[in-house]
Structure formats: C-alpha cells, structure tokens
Amino acid sequence: MMATDDRHPAAQDLRLVKVLAALADPARVSIVRTLARLGESPCVDLHHAAGLTISQPTFSHHQRVLRQAGVLRERVQGAHRIVSLRTEDLDACFPGLLAAVLGTRPDLVR
C-alpha cells in the first residue's frame, strides 16, 4: 500500500459522509467514471476524456474535493499530475459503493 501524505487521507480516516458529499456532484461522478474506464491518467487527459465543459480551475476544484475525501490519489510525475481512483481503499471501507456509483445509469446521476 502506498504511504499517505498530508494531501491524501489514510484509508482508516475515510468517512462515508465525506465520500458521499464528494460524489454528490455530476461533474465529480463523471471524473470518477472516466478514471475507472481509463485507469491512472494525467489530469489534462482526464479533463478531456471526461467531456466536461468546465474551466480548468473548476476541474481542479472538483479533483481536490475528490482527493480530500479519499476518492482519488494524485501523484506528480515530472510536470504532470497523475490521478487514479483509490479503488482498493474505497472497496475495503465501503464495500459496493464504488460499484454502485459506476453502475448507475447516466440519466439517474443528475
């Protein structure tokens, strides 16, 4: 398991209310679904692949909310920020939650 840092909550510190609040926005659900499809991805590619018509600062805000809630992990590789889902941690803490989010029909997200 990757060591946590001050930017990512440890797995044992994940809380359902915070995760659900982070997932309570359609743009953030789109980011999570896109990451699940792509796997680890540079932020720039993720923004494009998610098909969101939001500004870069707004996209960064959504990523930060997801990271602080423990849904995503972000690492720096050169000049890029690489993002991935914390699937293992989420499944261990909240069994079935991520599968439910990913399996929800898109028309029921909004």
N, C-alpha and C. Protein backbone atom coordinates (compact mmCIF):
# COMPACT_ATOMS: atom_id res chain seq x y z
N MET A 1 0.85 -1.19 0.00
CA MET A 1 0.00 0.00 0.00
C MET A 1 0.89 1.25 0.00
N MET A 2 0.46 2.23 -0.75
CA MET A 2 1.22 3.47 -0.85
C MET A 2 1.09 4.26 0.45
N ALA A 3 2.17 4.84 0.89
CA ALA A 3 2.13 5.67 2.10
C ALA A 3 1.28 6.91 1.83
N THR A 4 0.57 7.32 2.86
CA THR A 4 -0.23 8.52 2.70
C THR A 4 0.63 9.75 2.98
N ASP A 5 0.13 10.88 2.58
CA ASP A 5 0.81 12.13 2.88
C ASP A 5 -0.25 13.12 3.35
N ASP A 6 0.14 14.33 3.56
CA ASP A 6 -0.82 15.30 4.09
C ASP A 6 -1.88 15.71 3.07
N ARG A 7 -1.73 15.32 1.82
CA ARG A 7 -2.72 15.65 0.80
C ARG A 7 -3.78 14.57 0.62
N HIS A 8 -3.52 13.37 1.14
CA HIS A 8 -4.42 12.24 0.97
C HIS A 8 -4.74 11.65 2.34
N PRO A 9 -6.01 11.51 2.67
CA PRO A 9 -6.33 10.87 3.96
C PRO A 9 -5.93 9.39 3.94
N ALA A 10 -5.49 8.90 5.07
CA ALA A 10 -5.18 7.47 5.19
C ALA A 10 -6.47 6.68 5.04
N ALA A 11 -6.37 5.44 4.60
CA ALA A 11 -7.55 4.61 4.39
C ALA A 11 -8.42 4.55 5.64
N GLN A 12 -7.80 4.41 6.80
CA GLN A 12 -8.57 4.31 8.04
C GLN A 12 -9.27 5.62 8.42
N ASP A 13 -8.92 6.71 7.75
CA ASP A 13 -9.54 8.00 8.03
C ASP A 13 -10.66 8.35 7.04
N LEU A 14 -10.93 7.48 6.07
CA LEU A 14 -12.01 7.74 5.12
C LEU A 14 -13.34 7.68 5.86
N ARG A 15 -14.24 8.59 5.54
CA ARG A 15 -15.55 8.64 6.18
C ARG A 15 -16.63 8.70 5.11
N LEU A 16 -17.66 7.90 5.31
CA LEU A 16 -18.73 7.77 4.33
C LEU A 16 -19.37 9.10 3.98
N VAL A 17 -19.67 9.93 4.96
CA VAL A 17 -20.33 11.20 4.69
C VAL A 17 -19.47 12.08 3.78
N LYS A 18 -18.19 12.10 4.01
CA LYS A 18 -17.29 12.92 3.18
C LYS A 18 -17.19 12.37 1.76
N VAL A 19 -17.12 11.04 1.63
CA VAL A 19 -17.05 10.42 0.31
C VAL A 19 -18.36 10.67 -0.44
N LEU A 20 -19.49 10.47 0.22
CA LEU A 20 -20.77 10.71 -0.43
C LEU A 20 -20.94 12.17 -0.84
N ALA A 21 -20.50 13.09 0.00
CA ALA A 21 -20.57 14.51 -0.34
C ALA A 21 -19.72 14.81 -1.58
N ALA A 22 -18.55 14.19 -1.66
CA ALA A 22 -17.69 14.39 -2.83
C ALA A 22 -18.33 13.84 -4.10
N LEU A 23 -19.09 12.77 -3.94
CA LEU A 23 -19.73 12.15 -5.10
C LEU A 23 -21.10 12.75 -5.43
N ALA A 24 -21.50 13.79 -4.71
CA ALA A 24 -22.82 14.38 -4.87
C ALA A 24 -22.87 15.46 -5.95
N ASP A 25 -21.92 15.44 -6.86
CA ASP A 25 -21.89 16.41 -7.94
C ASP A 25 -21.71 15.65 -9.26
N PRO A 26 -22.54 15.92 -10.26
CA PRO A 26 -22.44 15.19 -11.53
C PRO A 26 -21.06 15.28 -12.20
N ALA A 27 -20.39 16.42 -12.10
CA ALA A 27 -19.06 16.55 -12.70
C ALA A 27 -18.07 15.62 -12.01
N ARG A 28 -18.17 15.50 -10.69
CA ARG A 28 -17.26 14.62 -9.96
C ARG A 28 -17.56 13.16 -10.25
N VAL A 29 -18.84 12.83 -10.41
CA VAL A 29 -19.18 11.45 -10.80
C VAL A 29 -18.61 11.16 -12.18
N SER A 30 -18.67 12.11 -13.08
CA SER A 30 -18.10 11.94 -14.41
C SER A 30 -16.59 11.72 -14.34
N ILE A 31 -15.92 12.45 -13.48
CA ILE A 31 -14.47 12.28 -13.29
C ILE A 31 -14.18 10.86 -12.79
N VAL A 32 -14.94 10.41 -11.80
CA VAL A 32 -14.74 9.07 -11.23
C VAL A 32 -15.00 8.00 -12.29
N ARG A 33 -16.07 8.12 -13.03
CA ARG A 33 -16.39 7.14 -14.07
C ARG A 33 -15.32 7.10 -15.15
N THR A 34 -14.84 8.26 -15.53
CA THR A 34 -13.80 8.32 -16.56
C THR A 34 -12.51 7.69 -16.06
N LEU A 35 -12.14 7.98 -14.81
CA LEU A 35 -10.94 7.36 -14.23
C LEU A 35 -11.08 5.85 -14.14
N ALA A 36 -12.26 5.37 -13.81
CA ALA A 36 -12.49 3.93 -13.73
C ALA A 36 -12.28 3.29 -15.11
N ARG A 37 -12.68 4.00 -16.15
CA ARG A 37 -12.52 3.49 -17.52
C ARG A 37 -11.07 3.57 -17.99
N LEU A 38 -10.40 4.70 -17.70
CA LEU A 38 -9.04 4.93 -18.20
C LEU A 38 -7.96 4.29 -17.33
N GLY A 39 -8.24 4.18 -16.06
CA GLY A 39 -7.18 3.82 -15.12
C GLY A 39 -6.41 5.09 -14.79
N GLU A 40 -5.20 4.94 -14.32
CA GLU A 40 -4.38 6.10 -13.97
C GLU A 40 -4.26 7.02 -15.18
N SER A 41 -4.39 8.33 -14.93
CA SER A 41 -4.43 9.27 -16.05
C SER A 41 -3.85 10.63 -15.66
N PRO A 42 -3.13 11.28 -16.58
CA PRO A 42 -2.73 12.67 -16.34
C PRO A 42 -3.97 13.55 -16.27
N CYS A 43 -3.93 14.56 -15.43
CA CYS A 43 -5.08 15.46 -15.24
C CYS A 43 -5.59 16.04 -16.56
N VAL A 44 -4.68 16.48 -17.42
CA VAL A 44 -5.08 17.10 -18.68
C VAL A 44 -5.87 16.11 -19.53
N ASP A 45 -5.40 14.87 -19.60
CA ASP A 45 -6.10 13.84 -20.38
C ASP A 45 -7.44 13.52 -19.75
N LEU A 46 -7.48 13.47 -18.44
CA LEU A 46 -8.71 13.17 -17.72
C LEU A 46 -9.77 14.23 -17.99
N HIS A 47 -9.37 15.49 -17.93
CA HIS A 47 -10.31 16.60 -18.19
C HIS A 47 -10.91 16.43 -19.58
N HIS A 48 -10.09 16.16 -20.55
CA HIS A 48 -10.56 16.00 -21.94
C HIS A 48 -11.44 14.75 -22.08
N ALA A 49 -11.00 13.63 -21.53
CA ALA A 49 -11.72 12.36 -21.68
C ALA A 49 -13.08 12.38 -20.97
N ALA A 50 -13.18 13.14 -19.89
CA ALA A 50 -14.45 13.22 -19.16
C ALA A 50 -15.50 14.01 -19.93
N GLY A 51 -15.07 14.76 -20.94
CA GLY A 51 -16.01 15.52 -21.76
C GLY A 51 -16.71 16.64 -21.02
N LEU A 52 -16.07 17.14 -19.99
CA LEU A 52 -16.67 18.22 -19.20
C LEU A 52 -16.40 19.57 -19.84
N THR A 53 -17.39 20.43 -19.86
CA THR A 53 -17.23 21.77 -20.42
C THR A 53 -17.09 22.78 -19.29
N ILE A 54 -16.15 22.49 -18.41
CA ILE A 54 -15.88 23.38 -17.28
C ILE A 54 -14.45 23.89 -17.40
N SER A 55 -14.18 25.00 -16.76
CA SER A 55 -12.85 25.60 -16.83
C SER A 55 -11.83 24.73 -16.09
N GLN A 56 -10.57 24.95 -16.37
CA GLN A 56 -9.51 24.23 -15.68
C GLN A 56 -9.54 24.47 -14.17
N PRO A 57 -9.72 25.72 -13.71
CA PRO A 57 -9.81 25.92 -12.25
C PRO A 57 -10.98 25.16 -11.61
N THR A 58 -12.11 25.11 -12.28
CA THR A 58 -13.26 24.37 -11.75
C THR A 58 -12.97 22.88 -11.73
N PHE A 59 -12.35 22.38 -12.78
CA PHE A 59 -11.96 20.97 -12.83
C PHE A 59 -10.99 20.65 -11.70
N SER A 60 -10.03 21.51 -11.47
CA SER A 60 -9.07 21.32 -10.38
C SER A 60 -9.76 21.31 -9.02
N HIS A 61 -10.75 22.17 -8.85
CA HIS A 61 -11.53 22.20 -7.62
C HIS A 61 -12.22 20.84 -7.40
N HIS A 62 -12.86 20.32 -8.42
CA HIS A 62 -13.54 19.03 -8.30
C HIS A 62 -12.55 17.92 -7.96
N GLN A 63 -11.40 17.94 -8.59
CA GLN A 63 -10.37 16.94 -8.27
C GLN A 63 -9.93 17.05 -6.81
N ARG A 64 -9.75 18.27 -6.34
CA ARG A 64 -9.32 18.48 -4.96
C ARG A 64 -10.36 17.94 -3.97
N VAL A 65 -11.63 18.19 -4.24
CA VAL A 65 -12.70 17.68 -3.37
C VAL A 65 -12.64 16.15 -3.33
N LEU A 66 -12.50 15.52 -4.48
CA LEU A 66 -12.41 14.06 -4.54
C LEU A 66 -11.16 13.54 -3.84
N ARG A 67 -10.04 14.23 -3.99
CA ARG A 67 -8.79 13.81 -3.34
C ARG A 67 -8.90 13.95 -1.83
N GLN A 68 -9.42 15.07 -1.35
CA GLN A 68 -9.52 15.30 0.08
C GLN A 68 -10.50 14.34 0.75
N ALA A 69 -11.49 13.86 0.00
CA ALA A 69 -12.44 12.89 0.53
C ALA A 69 -11.86 11.47 0.52
N GLY A 70 -10.77 11.28 -0.24
CA GLY A 70 -10.15 9.96 -0.32
C GLY A 70 -10.59 9.13 -1.50
N VAL A 71 -11.26 9.75 -2.46
CA VAL A 71 -11.73 9.03 -3.64
C VAL A 71 -10.62 8.87 -4.67
N LEU A 72 -9.78 9.88 -4.80
CA LEU A 72 -8.67 9.85 -5.76
C LEU A 72 -7.32 9.95 -5.06
N ARG A 73 -6.33 9.49 -5.78
CA ARG A 73 -4.94 9.70 -5.36
C ARG A 73 -4.26 10.46 -6.50
N GLU A 74 -3.44 11.40 -6.14
CA GLU A 74 -2.74 12.23 -7.11
C GLU A 74 -1.25 12.12 -6.83
N ARG A 75 -0.47 11.96 -7.90
CA ARG A 75 0.98 11.97 -7.74
C ARG A 75 1.58 12.83 -8.85
N VAL A 76 2.75 13.38 -8.56
CA VAL A 76 3.43 14.23 -9.53
C VAL A 76 4.47 13.39 -10.25
N GLN A 77 4.45 13.49 -11.58
CA GLN A 77 5.45 12.83 -12.42
C GLN A 77 5.96 13.87 -13.40
N GLY A 78 7.12 14.41 -13.12
CA GLY A 78 7.65 15.49 -13.94
C GLY A 78 6.76 16.71 -13.83
N ALA A 79 6.29 17.19 -14.97
CA ALA A 79 5.41 18.37 -14.99
C ALA A 79 3.93 17.99 -14.93
N HIS A 80 3.64 16.70 -14.78
CA HIS A 80 2.25 16.23 -14.83
C HIS A 80 1.77 15.75 -13.47
N ARG A 81 0.49 15.94 -13.25
CA ARG A 81 -0.18 15.34 -12.09
C ARG A 81 -0.94 14.13 -12.62
N ILE A 82 -0.65 12.99 -12.03
CA ILE A 82 -1.27 11.74 -12.45
C ILE A 82 -2.30 11.36 -11.39
N VAL A 83 -3.52 11.04 -11.82
CA VAL A 83 -4.62 10.78 -10.92
C VAL A 83 -5.09 9.33 -11.08
N SER A 84 -5.46 8.72 -9.96
CA SER A 84 -6.04 7.37 -10.00
C SER A 84 -7.11 7.26 -8.92
N LEU A 85 -8.02 6.32 -9.11
CA LEU A 85 -9.03 6.04 -8.10
C LEU A 85 -8.42 5.23 -6.98
N ARG A 86 -8.88 5.43 -5.78
CA ARG A 86 -8.44 4.63 -4.63
C ARG A 86 -9.40 3.46 -4.45
N THR A 87 -9.52 2.68 -5.50
CA THR A 87 -10.48 1.58 -5.55
C THR A 87 -10.33 0.63 -4.38
N GLU A 88 -9.12 0.19 -4.12
CA GLU A 88 -8.89 -0.78 -3.04
C GLU A 88 -9.32 -0.21 -1.69
N ASP A 89 -8.93 1.02 -1.41
CA ASP A 89 -9.29 1.64 -0.12
C ASP A 89 -10.81 1.84 -0.02
N LEU A 90 -11.42 2.31 -1.10
CA LEU A 90 -12.87 2.54 -1.07
C LEU A 90 -13.63 1.23 -0.90
N ASP A 91 -13.20 0.19 -1.62
CA ASP A 91 -13.88 -1.10 -1.50
C ASP A 91 -13.70 -1.71 -0.11
N ALA A 92 -12.55 -1.49 0.50
CA ALA A 92 -12.31 -2.03 1.84
C ALA A 92 -13.17 -1.31 2.88
N CYS A 93 -13.32 -0.01 2.73
CA CYS A 93 -14.08 0.78 3.71
C CYS A 93 -15.58 0.76 3.45
N PHE A 94 -15.96 0.79 2.18
CA PHE A 94 -17.37 0.92 1.81
C PHE A 94 -17.69 -0.09 0.71
N PRO A 95 -17.79 -1.37 1.05
CA PRO A 95 -18.00 -2.42 0.05
C PRO A 95 -19.21 -2.14 -0.84
N GLY A 96 -18.99 -2.18 -2.13
CA GLY A 96 -20.07 -2.00 -3.10
C GLY A 96 -20.38 -0.56 -3.48
N LEU A 97 -19.87 0.41 -2.74
CA LEU A 97 -20.19 1.81 -3.03
C LEU A 97 -19.68 2.23 -4.41
N LEU A 98 -18.43 1.99 -4.69
CA LEU A 98 -17.86 2.41 -5.96
C LEU A 98 -18.54 1.67 -7.12
N ALA A 99 -18.81 0.38 -6.94
CA ALA A 99 -19.51 -0.38 -7.99
C ALA A 99 -20.90 0.20 -8.23
N ALA A 100 -21.58 0.63 -7.18
CA ALA A 100 -22.91 1.23 -7.33
C ALA A 100 -22.83 2.55 -8.09
N VAL A 101 -21.83 3.36 -7.76
CA VAL A 101 -21.66 4.65 -8.45
C VAL A 101 -21.36 4.40 -9.93
N LEU A 102 -20.46 3.48 -10.21
CA LEU A 102 -20.06 3.21 -11.58
C LEU A 102 -21.17 2.53 -12.37
N GLY A 103 -22.03 1.78 -11.69
CA GLY A 103 -23.08 1.05 -12.38
C GLY A 103 -24.40 1.79 -12.51
N THR A 104 -24.48 2.98 -11.96
CA THR A 104 -25.71 3.77 -12.05
C THR A 104 -25.89 4.32 -13.47
N ARG A 105 -27.10 4.19 -13.98
CA ARG A 105 -27.37 4.72 -15.32
C ARG A 105 -27.07 6.22 -15.35
N PRO A 106 -26.43 6.69 -16.41
CA PRO A 106 -26.08 8.12 -16.50
C PRO A 106 -27.27 9.05 -16.32
N ASP A 107 -28.45 8.67 -16.80
CA ASP A 107 -29.60 9.56 -16.69
C ASP A 107 -30.08 9.70 -15.26
N LEU A 108 -29.63 8.84 -14.36
CA LEU A 108 -30.02 8.92 -12.95
C LEU A 108 -29.00 9.69 -12.10
N VAL A 109 -27.92 10.12 -12.71
CA VAL A 109 -26.88 10.83 -11.97
C VAL A 109 -27.28 12.28 -11.70
N ARG A 110 -27.87 12.93 -12.63
CA ARG A 110 -28.22 14.34 -12.49
C ARG A 110 -29.47 14.55 -11.68
